[in-house]
C-alpha atoms as a PDB file:
ATOM      1  CA  MET A   1       0.000   0.000   0.000  1.00  0.00           C
ATOM      2  CA  THR A   2       2.806   2.396   0.880  1.00  0.00           C
ATOM      3  CA  GLU A   3       4.515   1.675  -2.447  1.00  0.00           C
ATOM      4  CA  LEU A   4       1.323   2.529  -4.347  1.00  0.00           C
ATOM      5  CA  VAL A   5       0.925   5.832  -2.514  1.00  0.00           C
ATOM      6  CA  GLU A   6       4.564   6.714  -3.185  1.00  0.00           C
ATOM      7  CA  ARG A   7       4.177   5.937  -6.901  1.00  0.00           C
ATOM      8  CA  LEU A   8       1.034   8.067  -7.118  1.00  0.00           C
ATOM      9  CA  ALA A   9       2.775  10.946  -5.356  1.00  0.00           C
ATOM     10  CA  ALA A  10       5.738  10.716  -7.757  1.00  0.00           C
ATOM     11  CA  ALA A  11       3.539  10.571 -10.893  1.00  0.00           C
ATOM     12  CA  PRO A  12       3.549  13.752 -12.973  1.00  0.00           C
ATOM     13  CA  SER A  13       0.447  15.929 -12.829  1.00  0.00           C
ATOM     14  CA  GLY A  14      -1.657  16.772 -15.871  1.00  0.00           C
ATOM     15  CA  ALA A  15      -0.124  20.241 -15.999  1.00  0.00           C
ATOM     16  CA  GLU A  16       3.387  18.790 -15.945  1.00  0.00           C
ATOM     17  CA  LEU A  17       2.535  16.393 -18.783  1.00  0.00           C
ATOM     18  CA  GLU A  18       1.165  19.279 -20.871  1.00  0.00           C
ATOM     19  CA  LEU A  19       4.477  21.124 -20.452  1.00  0.00           C
ATOM     20  CA  THR A  20       6.677  18.097 -21.136  1.00  0.00           C
ATOM     21  CA  ALA A  21       8.633  18.012 -24.392  1.00  0.00           C
ATOM     22  CA  PHE A  22       8.838  14.312 -25.251  1.00  0.00           C
ATOM     23  CA  THR A  23      11.812  12.844 -27.082  1.00  0.00           C
ATOM     24  CA  PRO A  24      11.099  10.949 -30.316  1.00  0.00           C
ATOM     25  CA  ALA A  25      11.701   7.700 -28.400  1.00  0.00           C
ATOM     26  CA  LYS A  26       9.122   8.530 -25.710  1.00  0.00           C
ATOM     27  CA  ALA A  27       6.658   9.919 -28.291  1.00  0.00           C
ATOM     28  CA  ALA A  28       7.028   6.692 -30.283  1.00  0.00           C
ATOM     29  CA  GLU A  29       6.291   4.652 -27.158  1.00  0.00           C
ATOM     30  CA  LEU A  30       3.154   6.704 -26.479  1.00  0.00           C
ATOM     31  CA  LEU A  31       2.003   6.439 -30.101  1.00  0.00           C
ATOM     32  CA  GLY A  32       2.773   2.749 -30.464  1.00  0.00           C
ATOM     33  CA  LYS A  33       5.176   3.445 -33.326  1.00  0.00           C
ATOM     34  CA  THR A  34       8.922   3.023 -33.737  1.00  0.00           C
ATOM     35  CA  GLU A  35      11.371   5.758 -32.878  1.00  0.00           C
ATOM     36  CA  ASN A  36      12.519   5.628 -36.494  1.00  0.00           C
ATOM     37  CA  TRP A  37       8.964   6.346 -37.737  1.00  0.00           C
ATOM     38  CA  VAL A  38       8.661   9.379 -35.445  1.00  0.00           C
ATOM     39  CA  THR A  39      12.111  10.696 -36.370  1.00  0.00           C
ATOM     40  CA  GLU A  40      11.484  10.345 -40.116  1.00  0.00           C
ATOM     41  CA  ALA A  41       8.024  11.933 -39.814  1.00  0.00           C
ATOM     42  CA  ILE A  42       9.570  14.896 -37.982  1.00  0.00           C
ATOM     43  CA  GLN A  43      12.357  15.246 -40.576  1.00  0.00           C
ATOM     44  CA  ASP A  44       9.770  15.125 -43.411  1.00  0.00           C
ATOM     45  CA  ASN A  45       7.506  17.638 -41.599  1.00  0.00           C
ATOM     46  CA  ARG A  46       4.612  15.140 -41.663  1.00  0.00           C
ATOM     47  CA  ILE A  47       3.810  15.566 -37.974  1.00  0.00           C
ATOM     48  CA  PRO A  48       3.879  18.628 -35.704  1.00  0.00           C
ATOM     49  CA  HIS A  49       6.910  19.080 -33.503  1.00  0.00           C
ATOM     50  CA  THR A  50       9.088  21.678 -31.848  1.00  0.00           C
ATOM     51  CA  TYR A  51      12.767  22.034 -31.124  1.00  0.00           C
ATOM     52  CA  VAL A  52      14.464  22.434 -27.792  1.00  0.00           C
ATOM     53  CA  GLY A  53      17.821  23.709 -28.938  1.00  0.00           C
ATOM     54  CA  LYS A  54      18.659  21.433 -31.868  1.00  0.00           C
ATOM     55  CA  SER A  55      16.708  18.464 -30.498  1.00  0.00           C
ATOM     56  CA  PRO A  56      13.267  17.650 -31.941  1.00  0.00           C
ATOM     57  CA  ARG A  57      10.540  17.197 -29.354  1.00  0.00           C
ATOM     58  CA  MET A  58       6.794  16.558 -29.312  1.00  0.00           C
ATOM     59  CA  THR A  59       4.330  18.012 -26.837  1.00  0.00           C
ATOM     60  CA  ALA A  60       1.177  16.306 -25.594  1.00  0.00           C
ATOM     61  CA  ALA A  61      -0.807  18.428 -28.085  1.00  0.00           C
ATOM     62  CA  HIS A  62       1.388  17.199 -30.950  1.00  0.00           C
ATOM     63  CA  ILE A  63       0.847  13.591 -29.904  1.00  0.00           C
ATOM     64  CA  ARG A  64      -2.925  14.110 -29.666  1.00  0.00           C
ATOM     65  CA  TRP A  65      -2.855  15.624 -33.186  1.00  0.00           C
ATOM     66  CA  VAL A  66      -1.098  12.551 -34.605  1.00  0.00           C
ATOM     67  CA  GLN A  67      -3.638  10.288 -32.917  1.00  0.00           C
ATOM     68  CA  ALA A  68      -6.571  12.313 -34.254  1.00  0.00           C
ATOM     69  CA  GLN A  69      -5.238  12.228 -37.827  1.00  0.00           C
ATOM     70  CA  GLY A  70      -5.370   8.444 -37.779  1.00  0.00           C
ATOM     71  CA  GLU A  71      -8.994   8.286 -36.676  1.00  0.00           C
ATOM     72  CA  ARG A  72     -11.378   6.760 -39.197  1.00  0.00           C
ATOM     73  CA  MET A  73     -15.138   6.774 -38.801  1.00  0.00           C
ATOM     74  CA  PRO A  74     -17.179   3.949 -40.287  1.00  0.00           C
ATOM     75  CA  SER A  75     -19.046   4.639 -43.498  1.00  0.00           C
ATOM     76  CA  LYS A  76     -22.801   4.985 -43.230  1.00  0.00           C
ATOM     77  CA  TYR A  77     -22.906   2.159 -45.792  1.00  0.00           C
ATOM     78  CA  ALA A  78     -20.821  -0.224 -43.676  1.00  0.00           C
ATOM     79  CA  LYS A  79     -22.433  -3.463 -42.605  1.00  0.00           C
ATOM     80  CA  PRO A  80     -23.552  -3.301 -38.978  1.00  0.00           C
ATOM     81  CA  LEU A  81     -21.682  -5.477 -36.512  1.00  0.00           C
ATOM     82  CA  THR A  82     -23.600  -8.545 -35.429  1.00  0.00           C
ATOM     83  CA  SER A  83     -23.006 -10.870 -32.553  1.00  0.00           C
ATOM     84  CA  LYS A  84     -21.710 -14.301 -33.619  1.00  0.00           C
ATOM     85  CA  SER A  85     -23.285 -15.863 -30.546  1.00  0.00           C
ATOM     86  CA  ALA A  86     -26.754 -14.855 -31.808  1.00  0.00           C
ATOM     87  CA  ALA A  87     -26.416 -17.200 -34.802  1.00  0.00           C
END
């Protein structure tokens, strides 16, 4: 129980996460992509990013943008999902 409380106390707050500039490696981990994919996308200007000095970084807003760009809504003509157990 004490360990759990200590971990919760050490966890960054929402405000701290919003101000964090994630490395390509950490951004890749959060996005479920490879570090190479993130680095190449930054170099090709395909995803939003910023620089801290000469180092590319991604903010939480940048990561949310990448996630939103991948969202696909089903077509209104798509077949509805049915339960296989109902058959």
